[in-house]
């Protein structure tokens, strides 16, 4: 499964509780749209680190890097290179 699909599945299952009506386009701002609040963001960071077996640096734990699924893909992809 791709990074985007994995992250989208987590958000849809764990944050949105299977609400399929919410648009999760790769460029949708997850924070300003209210999909991710501070607690959901922490859960997402933990999920990303454990799922992709990476340890995000302090610099990378920045809300701007988690604004969209596309940005999250770029972040995780940088660790997998």
PDB file of N, CA and C in Angstrom:
ATOM      1  N   UNK A   1       0.853  -1.179   0.000  1.00  0.00           N
ATOM      2  CA  UNK A   1       0.000   0.000   0.000  1.00  0.00           C
ATOM      3  C   UNK A   1       0.898   1.242   0.000  1.00  0.00           C
ATOM      4  N   UNK A   2       0.521   2.248  -0.740  1.00  0.00           N
ATOM      5  CA  UNK A   2       1.314   3.474  -0.832  1.00  0.00           C
ATOM      6  C   UNK A   2       1.256   4.268   0.482  1.00  0.00           C
ATOM      7  N   UNK A   3       2.172   5.214   0.620  1.00  0.00           N
ATOM      8  CA  UNK A   3       2.188   6.088   1.799  1.00  0.00           C
ATOM      9  C   UNK A   3       0.856   6.823   1.898  1.00  0.00           C
ATOM     10  N   UNK A   4       0.420   7.411   0.787  1.00  0.00           N
ATOM     11  CA  UNK A   4      -0.830   8.174   0.791  1.00  0.00           C
ATOM     12  C   UNK A   4      -2.015   7.314   1.201  1.00  0.00           C
ATOM     13  N   UNK A   5      -2.112   6.123   0.638  1.00  0.00           N
ATOM     14  CA  UNK A   5      -3.239   5.234   0.944  1.00  0.00           C
ATOM     15  C   UNK A   5      -3.205   4.783   2.403  1.00  0.00           C
ATOM     16  N   UNK A   6      -2.018   4.526   2.914  1.00  0.00           N
ATOM     17  CA  UNK A   6      -1.877   4.096   4.305  1.00  0.00           C
ATOM     18  C   UNK A   6      -2.297   5.206   5.262  1.00  0.00           C
ATOM     19  N   UNK A   7      -1.841   6.425   4.990  1.00  0.00           N
ATOM     20  CA  UNK A   7      -2.191   7.567   5.838  1.00  0.00           C
ATOM     21  C   UNK A   7      -3.683   7.871   5.728  1.00  0.00           C
ATOM     22  N   UNK A   8      -4.206   7.835   4.516  1.00  0.00           N
ATOM     23  CA  UNK A   8      -5.638   8.090   4.330  1.00  0.00           C
ATOM     24  C   UNK A   8      -6.473   7.054   5.085  1.00  0.00           C
ATOM     25  N   UNK A   9      -6.081   5.800   5.011  1.00  0.00           N
ATOM     26  CA  UNK A   9      -6.828   4.749   5.712  1.00  0.00           C
ATOM     27  C   UNK A   9      -6.803   4.983   7.226  1.00  0.00           C
ATOM     28  N   UNK A  10      -5.652   5.376   7.767  1.00  0.00           N
ATOM     29  CA  UNK A  10      -5.559   5.661   9.205  1.00  0.00           C
ATOM     30  C   UNK A  10      -6.483   6.815   9.575  1.00  0.00           C
ATOM     31  N   UNK A  11      -6.420   7.902   8.823  1.00  0.00           N
ATOM     32  CA  UNK A  11      -7.251   9.071   9.130  1.00  0.00           C
ATOM     33  C   UNK A  11      -8.734   8.712   9.040  1.00  0.00           C
ATOM     34  N   UNK A  12      -9.084   8.012   7.979  1.00  0.00           N
ATOM     35  CA  UNK A  12     -10.490   7.652   7.801  1.00  0.00           C
ATOM     36  C   UNK A  12     -10.973   6.717   8.914  1.00  0.00           C
ATOM     37  N   UNK A  13     -10.148   5.762   9.313  1.00  0.00           N
ATOM     38  CA  UNK A  13     -10.544   4.775  10.321  1.00  0.00           C
ATOM     39  C   UNK A  13     -10.446   5.314  11.745  1.00  0.00           C
ATOM     40  N   UNK A  14      -9.313   5.903  12.090  1.00  0.00           N
ATOM     41  CA  UNK A  14      -9.035   6.282  13.470  1.00  0.00           C
ATOM     42  C   UNK A  14      -9.447   7.707  13.850  1.00  0.00           C
ATOM     43  N   UNK A  15      -9.499   8.596  12.889  1.00  0.00           N
ATOM     44  CA  UNK A  15      -9.830   9.997  13.171  1.00  0.00           C
ATOM     45  C   UNK A  15     -11.279  10.297  12.779  1.00  0.00           C
ATOM     46  N   UNK A  16     -11.675   9.836  11.606  1.00  0.00           N
ATOM     47  CA  UNK A  16     -13.014  10.133  11.096  1.00  0.00           C
ATOM     48  C   UNK A  16     -14.021   9.030  11.404  1.00  0.00           C
ATOM     49  N   UNK A  17     -13.574   7.952  12.012  1.00  0.00           N
ATOM     50  CA  UNK A  17     -14.444   6.832  12.385  1.00  0.00           C
ATOM     51  C   UNK A  17     -15.291   6.348  11.215  1.00  0.00           C
ATOM     52  N   UNK A  18     -14.591   6.085  10.091  1.00  0.00           N
ATOM     53  CA  UNK A  18     -15.186   5.497   8.881  1.00  0.00           C
ATOM     54  C   UNK A  18     -16.120   6.425   8.115  1.00  0.00           C
ATOM     55  N   UNK A  19     -16.077   7.712   8.371  1.00  0.00           N
ATOM     56  CA  UNK A  19     -16.930   8.656   7.643  1.00  0.00           C
ATOM     57  C   UNK A  19     -16.398   8.796   6.214  1.00  0.00           C
ATOM     58  N   UNK A  20     -17.041   8.151   5.270  1.00  0.00           N
ATOM     59  CA  UNK A  20     -16.585   8.165   3.888  1.00  0.00           C
ATOM     60  C   UNK A  20     -17.020   9.422   3.130  1.00  0.00           C
ATOM     61  N   UNK A  21     -17.832  10.252   3.754  1.00  0.00           N
ATOM     62  CA  UNK A  21     -18.299  11.460   3.082  1.00  0.00           C
ATOM     63  C   UNK A  21     -17.259  12.581   3.095  1.00  0.00           C
ATOM     64  N   UNK A  22     -16.243  12.464   3.932  1.00  0.00           N
ATOM     65  CA  UNK A  22     -15.210  13.504   4.028  1.00  0.00           C
ATOM     66  C   UNK A  22     -14.212  13.340   2.892  1.00  0.00           C
ATOM     67  N   UNK A  23     -13.967  14.433   2.173  1.00  0.00           N
ATOM     68  CA  UNK A  23     -13.010  14.439   1.072  1.00  0.00           C
ATOM     69  C   UNK A  23     -11.591  14.473   1.632  1.00  0.00           C
ATOM     70  N   UNK A  24     -10.806  13.471   1.296  1.00  0.00           N
ATOM     71  CA  UNK A  24      -9.417  13.431   1.733  1.00  0.00           C
ATOM     72  C   UNK A  24      -8.468  13.516   0.541  1.00  0.00           C
ATOM     73  N   UNK A  25      -8.720  14.468  -0.338  1.00  0.00           N
ATOM     74  CA  UNK A  25      -7.824  14.686  -1.476  1.00  0.00           C
ATOM     75  C   UNK A  25      -6.421  14.956  -0.953  1.00  0.00           C
ATOM     76  N   UNK A  26      -5.421  14.575  -1.720  1.00  0.00           N
ATOM     77  CA  UNK A  26      -4.035  14.669  -1.239  1.00  0.00           C
ATOM     78  C   UNK A  26      -3.593  16.094  -0.930  1.00  0.00           C
ATOM     79  N   UNK A  27      -4.293  17.094  -1.467  1.00  0.00           N
ATOM     80  CA  UNK A  27      -3.914  18.484  -1.205  1.00  0.00           C
ATOM     81  C   UNK A  27      -4.857  19.199  -0.230  1.00  0.00           C
ATOM     82  N   UNK A  28      -5.828  18.501   0.323  1.00  0.00           N
ATOM     83  CA  UNK A  28      -6.767  19.138   1.257  1.00  0.00           C
ATOM     84  C   UNK A  28      -6.057  19.445   2.573  1.00  0.00           C
ATOM     85  N   UNK A  29      -6.252  20.663   3.080  1.00  0.00           N
ATOM     86  CA  UNK A  29      -5.624  21.051   4.334  1.00  0.00           C
ATOM     87  C   UNK A  29      -6.363  20.368   5.491  1.00  0.00           C
ATOM     88  N   UNK A  30      -5.706  19.405   6.100  1.00  0.00           N
ATOM     89  CA  UNK A  30      -6.311  18.602   7.150  1.00  0.00           C
ATOM     90  C   UNK A  30      -6.474  19.372   8.458  1.00  0.00           C
ATOM     91  N   UNK A  31      -5.649  20.384   8.658  1.00  0.00           N
ATOM     92  CA  UNK A  31      -5.684  21.141   9.909  1.00  0.00           C
ATOM     93  C   UNK A  31      -6.741  22.238   9.841  1.00  0.00           C
ATOM     94  N   UNK A  32      -6.681  23.080   8.807  1.00  0.00           N
ATOM     95  CA  UNK A  32      -7.647  24.182   8.727  1.00  0.00           C
ATOM     96  C   UNK A  32      -9.071  23.685   8.488  1.00  0.00           C
ATOM     97  N   UNK A  33      -9.214  22.494   7.917  1.00  0.00           N
ATOM     98  CA  UNK A  33     -10.548  21.941   7.697  1.00  0.00           C
ATOM     99  C   UNK A  33     -11.115  21.280   8.955  1.00  0.00           C
ATOM    100  N   UNK A  34     -10.282  21.166   9.996  1.00  0.00           N
ATOM    101  CA  UNK A  34     -10.748  20.597  11.252  1.00  0.00           C
ATOM    102  C   UNK A  34     -10.654  19.083  11.338  1.00  0.00           C
ATOM    103  N   UNK A  35     -10.100  18.450  10.326  1.00  0.00           N
ATOM    104  CA  UNK A  35      -9.948  16.996  10.360  1.00  0.00           C
ATOM    105  C   UNK A  35      -8.923  16.599  11.416  1.00  0.00           C
ATOM    106  N   UNK A  36      -7.809  17.328  11.465  1.00  0.00           N
ATOM    107  CA  UNK A  36      -6.778  17.058  12.469  1.00  0.00           C
ATOM    108  C   UNK A  36      -6.750  18.172  13.503  1.00  0.00           C
ATOM    109  N   UNK A  37      -6.973  17.803  14.759  1.00  0.00           N
ATOM    110  CA  UNK A  37      -6.734  18.741  15.855  1.00  0.00           C
ATOM    111  C   UNK A  37      -5.423  18.315  16.512  1.00  0.00           C
ATOM    112  N   UNK A  38      -5.044  18.935  17.606  1.00  0.00           N
ATOM    113  CA  UNK A  38      -3.739  18.645  18.201  1.00  0.00           C
ATOM    114  C   UNK A  38      -3.616  17.190  18.663  1.00  0.00           C
ATOM    115  N   UNK A  39      -4.661  16.639  19.233  1.00  0.00           N
ATOM    116  CA  UNK A  39      -4.612  15.248  19.684  1.00  0.00           C
ATOM    117  C   UNK A  39      -4.540  14.289  18.492  1.00  0.00           C
ATOM    118  N   UNK A  40      -5.327  14.549  17.472  1.00  0.00           N
ATOM    119  CA  UNK A  40      -5.302  13.704  16.276  1.00  0.00           C
ATOM    120  C   UNK A  40      -3.941  13.776  15.594  1.00  0.00           C
ATOM    121  N   UNK A  41      -3.324  14.948  15.615  1.00  0.00           N
ATOM    122  CA  UNK A  41      -2.003  15.113  15.017  1.00  0.00           C
ATOM    123  C   UNK A  41      -0.975  14.268  15.769  1.00  0.00           C
ATOM    124  N   UNK A  42      -1.038  14.258  17.082  1.00  0.00           N
ATOM    125  CA  UNK A  42      -0.123  13.423  17.865  1.00  0.00           C
ATOM    126  C   UNK A  42      -0.336  11.944  17.571  1.00  0.00           C
ATOM    127  N   UNK A  43      -1.572  11.534  17.452  1.00  0.00           N
ATOM    128  CA  UNK A  43      -1.865  10.131  17.115  1.00  0.00           C
ATOM    129  C   UNK A  43      -1.332   9.786  15.729  1.00  0.00           C
ATOM    130  N   UNK A  44      -1.472  10.716  14.786  1.00  0.00           N
ATOM    131  CA  UNK A  44      -0.981  10.504  13.431  1.00  0.00           C
ATOM    132  C   UNK A  44       0.543  10.384  13.419  1.00  0.00           C
ATOM    133  N   UNK A  45       1.220  11.233  14.161  1.00  0.00           N
ATOM    134  CA  UNK A  45       2.686  11.171  14.234  1.00  0.00           C
ATOM    135  C   UNK A  45       3.136   9.827  14.784  1.00  0.00           C
ATOM    136  N   UNK A  46       2.500   9.381  15.851  1.00  0.00           N
ATOM    137  CA  UNK A  46       2.831   8.079  16.428  1.00  0.00           C
ATOM    138  C   UNK A  46       2.592   6.957  15.411  1.00  0.00           C
ATOM    139  N   UNK A  47       1.483   7.025  14.703  1.00  0.00           N
ATOM    140  CA  UNK A  47       1.159   6.028  13.689  1.00  0.00           C
ATOM    141  C   UNK A  47       2.228   6.018  12.594  1.00  0.00           C
ATOM    142  N   UNK A  48       2.593   7.178  12.107  1.00  0.00           N
ATOM    143  CA  UNK A  48       3.588   7.279  11.030  1.00  0.00           C
ATOM    144  C   UNK A  48       4.917   6.689  11.471  1.00  0.00           C
ATOM    145  N   UNK A  49       5.359   7.045  12.668  1.00  0.00           N
ATOM    146  CA  UNK A  49       6.637   6.525  13.142  1.00  0.00           C
ATOM    147  C   UNK A  49       6.620   5.004  13.271  1.00  0.00           C
ATOM    148  N   UNK A  50       5.552   4.462  13.805  1.00  0.00           N
ATOM    149  CA  UNK A  50       5.506   3.010  13.993  1.00  0.00           C
ATOM    150  C   UNK A  50       5.254   2.269  12.684  1.00  0.00           C
ATOM    151  N   UNK A  51       4.402   2.783  11.837  1.00  0.00           N
ATOM    152  CA  UNK A  51       4.058   2.100  10.588  1.00  0.00           C
ATOM    153  C   UNK A  51       5.208   2.101   9.594  1.00  0.00           C
ATOM    154  N   UNK A  52       5.881   3.225   9.478  1.00  0.00           N
ATOM    155  CA  UNK A  52       6.954   3.352   8.488  1.00  0.00           C
ATOM    156  C   UNK A  52       8.338   3.152   9.108  1.00  0.00           C
ATOM    157  N   UNK A  53       8.363   2.787  10.388  1.00  0.00           N
ATOM    158  CA  UNK A  53       9.605   2.489  11.099  1.00  0.00           C
ATOM    159  C   UNK A  53      10.626   3.627  10.965  1.00  0.00           C
ATOM    160  N   UNK A  54      10.154   4.833  11.273  1.00  0.00           N
ATOM    161  CA  UNK A  54      11.019   6.008  11.232  1.00  0.00           C
ATOM    162  C   UNK A  54      10.888   6.755  12.560  1.00  0.00           C
ATOM    163  N   UNK A  55      11.858   7.597  12.824  1.00  0.00           N
ATOM    164  CA  UNK A  55      11.815   8.456  13.998  1.00  0.00           C
ATOM    165  C   UNK A  55      11.916   9.898  13.499  1.00  0.00           C
ATOM    166  N   UNK A  56      10.809  10.605  13.560  1.00  0.00           N
ATOM    167  CA  UNK A  56      10.788  11.977  13.057  1.00  0.00           C
ATOM    168  C   UNK A  56      11.646  12.881  13.934  1.00  0.00           C
ATOM    169  N   UNK A  57      12.378  13.766  13.291  1.00  0.00           N
ATOM    170  CA  UNK A  57      13.208  14.719  14.017  1.00  0.00           C
ATOM    171  C   UNK A  57      12.323  15.810  14.621  1.00  0.00           C
ATOM    172  N   UNK A  58      12.878  16.542  15.568  1.00  0.00           N
ATOM    173  CA  UNK A  58      12.145  17.660  16.166  1.00  0.00           C
ATOM    174  C   UNK A  58      11.704  18.660  15.105  1.00  0.00           C
ATOM    175  N   UNK A  59      12.572  18.892  14.127  1.00  0.00           N
ATOM    176  CA  UNK A  59      12.269  19.842  13.051  1.00  0.00           C
ATOM    177  C   UNK A  59      11.060  19.394  12.236  1.00  0.00           C
ATOM    178  N   UNK A  60      10.893  18.073  12.104  1.00  0.00           N
ATOM    179  CA  UNK A  60       9.805  17.551  11.285  1.00  0.00           C
ATOM    180  C   UNK A  60       8.472  17.492  12.009  1.00  0.00           C
ATOM    181  N   UNK A  61       8.495  17.628  13.312  1.00  0.00           N
ATOM    182  CA  UNK A  61       7.236  17.625  14.056  1.00  0.00           C
ATOM    183  C   UNK A  61       6.728  19.063  14.088  1.00  0.00           C
ATOM    184  N   UNK A  62       6.195  19.441  12.945  1.00  0.00           N
ATOM    185  CA  UNK A  62       5.732  20.799  12.672  1.00  0.00           C
ATOM    186  C   UNK A  62       4.392  20.662  11.944  1.00  0.00           C
ATOM    187  N   UNK A  63       3.379  21.318  12.438  1.00  0.00           N
ATOM    188  CA  UNK A  63       2.036  21.189  11.860  1.00  0.00           C
ATOM    189  C   UNK A  63       2.027  21.459  10.359  1.00  0.00           C
ATOM    190  N   UNK A  64       2.881  22.354   9.882  1.00  0.00           N
ATOM    191  CA  UNK A  64       2.920  22.663   8.453  1.00  0.00           C
ATOM    192  C   UNK A  64       3.254  21.440   7.607  1.00  0.00           C
ATOM    193  N   UNK A  65       4.033  20.521   8.155  1.00  0.00           N
ATOM    194  CA  UNK A  65       4.428  19.325   7.409  1.00  0.00           C
ATOM    195  C   UNK A  65       3.339  18.261   7.407  1.00  0.00           C
ATOM    196  N   UNK A  66       2.263  18.505   8.151  1.00  0.00           N
ATOM    197  CA  UNK A  66       1.154  17.556   8.242  1.00  0.00           C
ATOM    198  C   UNK A  66      -0.146  18.165   7.737  1.00  0.00           C
ATOM    199  N   UNK A  67      -0.044  19.256   6.970  1.00  0.00           N
ATOM    200  CA  UNK A  67      -1.240  19.954   6.492  1.00  0.00           C
ATOM    201  C   UNK A  67      -2.052  19.140   5.512  1.00  0.00           C
ATOM    202  N   UNK A  68      -1.408  18.266   4.772  1.00  0.00           N
ATOM    203  CA  UNK A  68      -2.134  17.480   3.773  1.00  0.00           C
ATOM    204  C   UNK A  68      -1.501  16.102   3.648  1.00  0.00           C
ATOM    205  N   UNK A  69      -2.235  15.207   3.061  1.00  0.00           N
ATOM    206  CA  UNK A  69      -1.702  13.865   2.838  1.00  0.00           C
ATOM    207  C   UNK A  69      -0.510  13.935   1.887  1.00  0.00           C
ATOM    208  N   UNK A  70      -0.556  14.834   0.930  1.00  0.00           N
ATOM    209  CA  UNK A  70       0.570  15.025   0.014  1.00  0.00           C
ATOM    210  C   UNK A  70       1.836  15.442   0.738  1.00  0.00           C
ATOM    211  N   UNK A  71       1.713  16.368   1.684  1.00  0.00           N
ATOM    212  CA  UNK A  71       2.884  16.808   2.452  1.00  0.00           C
ATOM    213  C   UNK A  71       3.413  15.687   3.348  1.00  0.00           C
ATOM    214  N   UNK A  72       2.493  14.919   3.912  1.00  0.00           N
ATOM    215  CA  UNK A  72       2.904  13.793   4.754  1.00  0.00           C
ATOM    216  C   UNK A  72       3.663  12.778   3.906  1.00  0.00           C
ATOM    217  N   UNK A  73       3.198  12.544   2.686  1.00  0.00           N
ATOM    218  CA  UNK A  73       3.884  11.623   1.777  1.00  0.00           C
ATOM    219  C   UNK A  73       5.308  12.099   1.515  1.00  0.00           C
ATOM    220  N   UNK A  74       5.481  13.393   1.262  1.00  0.00           N
ATOM    221  CA  UNK A  74       6.816  13.955   1.028  1.00  0.00           C
ATOM    222  C   UNK A  74       7.710  13.766   2.245  1.00  0.00           C
ATOM    223  N   UNK A  75       7.164  14.012   3.423  1.00  0.00           N
ATOM    224  CA  UNK A  75       7.916  13.893   4.668  1.00  0.00           C
ATOM    225  C   UNK A  75       8.393  12.458   4.865  1.00  0.00           C
ATOM    226  N   UNK A  76       7.468  11.514   4.784  1.00  0.00           N
ATOM    227  CA  UNK A  76       7.807  10.103   4.991  1.00  0.00           C
ATOM    228  C   UNK A  76       8.744   9.623   3.874  1.00  0.00           C
ATOM    229  N   UNK A  77       8.469  10.021   2.653  1.00  0.00           N
ATOM    230  CA  UNK A  77       9.324   9.629   1.529  1.00  0.00           C
ATOM    231  C   UNK A  77      10.757  10.076   1.708  1.00  0.00           C
ATOM    232  N   UNK A  78      10.958  11.229   2.325  1.00  0.00           N
ATOM    233  CA  UNK A  78      12.314  11.725   2.586  1.00  0.00           C
ATOM    234  C   UNK A  78      13.078  10.816   3.538  1.00  0.00           C
ATOM    235  N   UNK A  79      12.388  10.179   4.425  1.00  0.00           N
ATOM    236  CA  UNK A  79      13.032   9.260   5.358  1.00  0.00           C
ATOM    237  C   UNK A  79      13.294   7.902   4.725  1.00  0.00           C
ATOM    238  N   UNK A  80      12.542   7.571   3.708  1.00  0.00           N
ATOM    239  CA  UNK A  80      12.693   6.260   3.082  1.00  0.00           C
ATOM    240  C   UNK A  80      13.694   6.266   1.939  1.00  0.00           C
ATOM    241  N   UNK A  81      14.211   7.410   1.574  1.00  0.00           N
ATOM    242  CA  UNK A  81      15.182   7.507   0.468  1.00  0.00           C
ATOM    243  C   UNK A  81      16.527   6.958   0.856  1.00  0.00           C
TER     244      UNK A  81
END
